[in-house]
Amino acid sequence: MNVKTVASIRARVGSRGARHMQRGATLLEAIAYLGIAAIVVIGAIALLRGAFGSASSNQTAEQVTAIQTGVKKLYMGQTNGYNGLTTTVAIAAGIIPTTLVIDTAANTVTDAWGGAVTVNGTGTGTFTITFDSVPTDVCINAASAGGTWTAVSIGNTAQAVPVTPAAAQAACAGGAKTIVWTSA
């Protein structure tokens, strides 16, 4: 007598009627993987952009401070203040940081955004450092970075020193601005 059990029937049907298992990812899985990868890449780009913007504003503040320190060191002990100080003198004396673009033939200095950087003695015992075409995000951070400035002007508007971030934000709004730092 040939008695068939449920288990033996299932085993036979399972081996004959079973579909072969597919290997690899389905189209929907592949799309999901690509979507996740795109989100990760976009997030990384956003973080890098923020980091580079922050680095640019820090670099600008460091450049201005380096120029200020170099000028004060160069003119230490001079009895006639900062008379005769020009960008040409600052370039020749090696005061301008190498992170700025220096054209020794034309005696000009350019910042990372293509704006002119100038250094001038005012004849009143003070000197100015001017950065043209500073982008808004860098303008806010550079103007409010602090320092021993006697005056700061953003876009031809004098600011109370030290410049607060709120005042810098208001003055730097609306596009690239010129910042003038005055030091004694």
Protein backbone atom coordinates (compact mmCIF):
# COMPACT_ATOMS: atom_id res chain seq x y z
CA MET A 1 0.00 0.00 0.00
CA ASN A 2 1.30 3.31 -1.02
CA VAL A 3 0.29 5.91 1.55
CA LYS A 4 1.17 9.42 0.76
CA THR A 5 1.56 11.82 3.57
CA VAL A 6 1.02 15.53 3.34
CA ALA A 7 4.69 16.11 3.99
CA SER A 8 5.78 13.89 1.13
CA ILE A 9 3.32 15.56 -1.24
CA ARG A 10 4.54 19.02 -0.28
CA ALA A 11 8.15 17.98 -0.71
CA ARG A 12 7.47 16.69 -4.22
CA VAL A 13 5.38 19.69 -5.27
CA GLY A 14 7.92 22.05 -3.71
CA SER A 15 10.78 20.60 -5.69
CA ARG A 16 8.91 20.54 -9.01
CA GLY A 17 6.89 23.75 -8.74
CA ALA A 18 9.36 25.97 -6.94
CA ARG A 19 10.57 28.99 -8.85
CA HIS A 20 14.25 29.57 -9.02
CA MET A 21 15.47 32.23 -6.60
CA GLN A 22 16.68 35.36 -8.39
CA ARG A 23 19.98 36.90 -7.54
CA GLY A 24 20.73 40.64 -7.41
CA ALA A 25 18.57 43.66 -6.77
CA THR A 26 15.26 44.44 -8.35
CA LEU A 27 14.66 47.69 -10.16
CA LEU A 28 12.84 49.19 -7.17
CA GLU A 29 15.69 48.29 -4.83
CA ALA A 30 18.25 49.81 -7.21
CA ILE A 31 16.23 53.05 -7.38
CA ALA A 32 16.04 53.15 -3.59
CA TYR A 33 19.81 52.66 -3.28
CA LEU A 34 20.48 55.43 -5.80
CA GLY A 35 18.05 57.75 -4.00
CA ILE A 36 19.81 57.21 -0.68
CA ALA A 37 23.21 57.73 -2.31
CA ALA A 38 21.98 60.99 -3.87
CA ILE A 39 20.77 62.26 -0.49
CA VAL A 40 24.15 61.46 1.08
CA VAL A 41 26.05 63.24 -1.72
CA ILE A 42 23.81 66.33 -1.55
CA GLY A 43 24.26 66.47 2.23
CA ALA A 44 28.03 66.22 1.90
CA ILE A 45 28.11 69.01 -0.69
CA ALA A 46 26.01 71.25 1.55
CA LEU A 47 28.34 70.65 4.48
CA LEU A 48 31.43 71.34 2.37
CA ARG A 49 29.92 74.55 0.99
CA GLY A 50 29.23 75.77 4.53
CA ALA A 51 32.71 74.81 5.64
CA PHE A 52 34.36 76.64 2.74
CA GLY A 53 32.25 79.76 3.35
CA SER A 54 33.25 79.74 7.00
CA ALA A 55 36.89 79.22 6.08
CA SER A 56 36.74 82.17 3.66
CA SER A 57 35.39 84.52 6.31
CA ASN A 58 37.99 83.35 8.82
CA GLN A 59 40.71 83.78 6.21
CA THR A 60 39.58 87.34 5.43
CA ALA A 61 39.64 88.29 9.12
CA GLU A 62 43.13 86.77 9.43
CA GLN A 63 44.35 88.62 6.33
CA VAL A 64 43.12 91.97 7.63
CA THR A 65 44.69 91.36 11.05
CA ALA A 66 47.98 90.30 9.44
CA ILE A 67 48.08 93.49 7.37
CA GLN A 68 47.26 95.61 10.43
CA THR A 69 50.00 93.94 12.48
CA GLY A 70 52.53 94.27 9.66
CA VAL A 71 51.81 97.97 9.14
CA LYS A 72 52.09 98.73 12.86
CA LYS A 73 55.39 96.84 13.02
CA LEU A 74 56.74 98.62 9.92
CA TYR A 75 55.82 102.09 11.20
CA MET A 76 56.77 101.50 14.84
CA GLY A 77 58.88 104.42 16.04
CA GLN A 78 57.96 106.72 13.15
CA THR A 79 57.18 110.25 14.27
CA ASN A 80 54.98 111.22 11.33
CA GLY A 81 52.36 108.50 11.73
CA TYR A 82 51.54 106.49 8.66
CA ASN A 83 52.39 109.15 6.06
CA GLY A 84 53.50 107.60 2.79
CA LEU A 85 51.83 104.25 3.45
CA THR A 86 50.40 102.81 0.23
CA THR A 87 49.61 99.39 -1.14
CA THR A 88 52.90 99.57 -3.06
CA VAL A 89 54.85 100.11 0.19
CA ALA A 90 52.95 97.26 1.87
CA ILE A 91 53.75 94.90 -1.03
CA ALA A 92 57.44 95.88 -1.05
CA ALA A 93 57.70 95.43 2.73
CA GLY A 94 56.15 91.95 2.54
CA ILE A 95 53.19 92.92 4.72
CA ILE A 96 50.53 91.50 2.39
CA PRO A 97 49.71 87.85 3.22
CA THR A 98 50.49 85.37 0.45
CA THR A 99 46.90 84.10 0.62
CA LEU A 100 45.95 87.25 -1.33
CA VAL A 101 46.77 87.62 -5.03
CA ILE A 102 49.70 90.04 -5.31
CA ASP A 103 50.63 91.57 -8.68
CA THR A 104 54.04 93.12 -8.06
CA ALA A 105 54.26 94.51 -11.61
CA ALA A 106 51.05 96.53 -11.23
CA ASN A 107 51.42 96.96 -7.43
CA THR A 108 47.91 95.65 -6.85
CA VAL A 109 46.41 93.14 -4.46
CA THR A 110 43.23 91.16 -5.12
CA ASP A 111 41.10 89.10 -2.73
CA ALA A 112 39.57 85.68 -3.42
CA TRP A 113 36.46 87.26 -4.99
CA GLY A 114 38.33 89.51 -7.41
CA GLY A 115 37.96 92.67 -5.35
CA ALA A 116 40.82 95.11 -4.86
CA VAL A 117 42.63 95.21 -1.53
CA THR A 118 44.25 98.54 -0.68
CA VAL A 119 46.30 99.88 2.21
CA ASN A 120 46.67 103.64 2.72
CA GLY A 121 47.97 106.01 5.36
CA THR A 122 45.50 108.79 6.10
CA GLY A 123 47.98 111.37 7.34
CA THR A 124 46.10 111.75 10.62
CA GLY A 125 47.93 109.04 12.52
CA THR A 126 45.69 106.31 11.14
CA PHE A 127 45.69 103.96 8.16
CA THR A 128 42.97 102.10 6.28
CA ILE A 129 42.68 98.59 4.89
CA THR A 130 40.01 98.27 2.20
CA PHE A 131 38.53 95.07 0.77
CA ASP A 132 36.23 95.55 -2.25
CA SER A 133 33.47 93.18 -3.41
CA VAL A 134 33.20 91.09 -0.22
CA PRO A 135 30.29 88.59 -0.44
CA THR A 136 27.51 88.96 2.13
CA ASP A 137 28.27 85.87 4.24
CA VAL A 138 31.97 86.71 4.43
CA CYS A 139 31.20 90.40 5.00
CA ILE A 140 29.16 89.68 8.13
CA ASN A 141 31.81 87.47 9.72
CA ALA A 142 34.82 89.57 8.70
CA ALA A 143 33.29 92.87 9.80
CA SER A 144 32.21 91.53 13.19
CA ALA A 145 35.42 89.56 13.87
CA GLY A 146 36.66 92.16 16.31
CA GLY A 147 40.10 93.68 16.54
CA THR A 148 41.56 96.99 17.60
CA TRP A 149 39.91 99.14 14.95
CA THR A 150 39.20 102.82 15.47
CA ALA A 151 36.53 102.75 12.73
CA VAL A 152 34.85 100.27 10.38
CA SER A 153 32.84 101.20 7.31
CA ILE A 154 30.66 98.78 5.33
CA GLY A 155 29.39 99.96 1.96
CA ASN A 156 30.25 103.61 2.75
CA THR A 157 28.30 103.49 6.02
CA ALA A 158 30.26 103.99 9.24
CA GLN A 159 29.62 101.38 11.91
CA ALA A 160 29.96 101.60 15.68
CA VAL A 161 33.00 99.64 16.84
CA PRO A 162 33.16 96.88 17.73
CA VAL A 163 30.73 95.89 14.96
CA THR A 164 28.03 93.55 16.24
CA PRO A 165 26.89 90.61 14.09
CA ALA A 166 23.40 92.17 13.86
CA ALA A 167 24.81 95.50 12.64
CA ALA A 168 27.09 93.69 10.18
CA GLN A 169 24.16 91.65 8.88
CA ALA A 170 22.11 94.78 8.24
CA ALA A 171 25.02 96.62 6.59
CA CYS A 172 26.18 93.65 4.48
CA ALA A 173 22.72 92.80 3.10
CA GLY A 174 22.04 93.19 -0.59
CA GLY A 175 25.16 91.79 -2.22
CA ALA A 176 28.90 92.30 -2.20
CA LYS A 177 30.13 95.26 -0.18
CA THR A 178 33.30 97.24 0.38
CA ILE A 179 34.68 97.07 3.92
CA VAL A 180 37.12 99.70 5.21
CA TRP A 181 38.93 99.07 8.49
CA THR A 182 40.71 102.05 10.10
CA SER A 183 43.48 101.56 12.65
CA ALA A 184 45.68 103.89 14.67
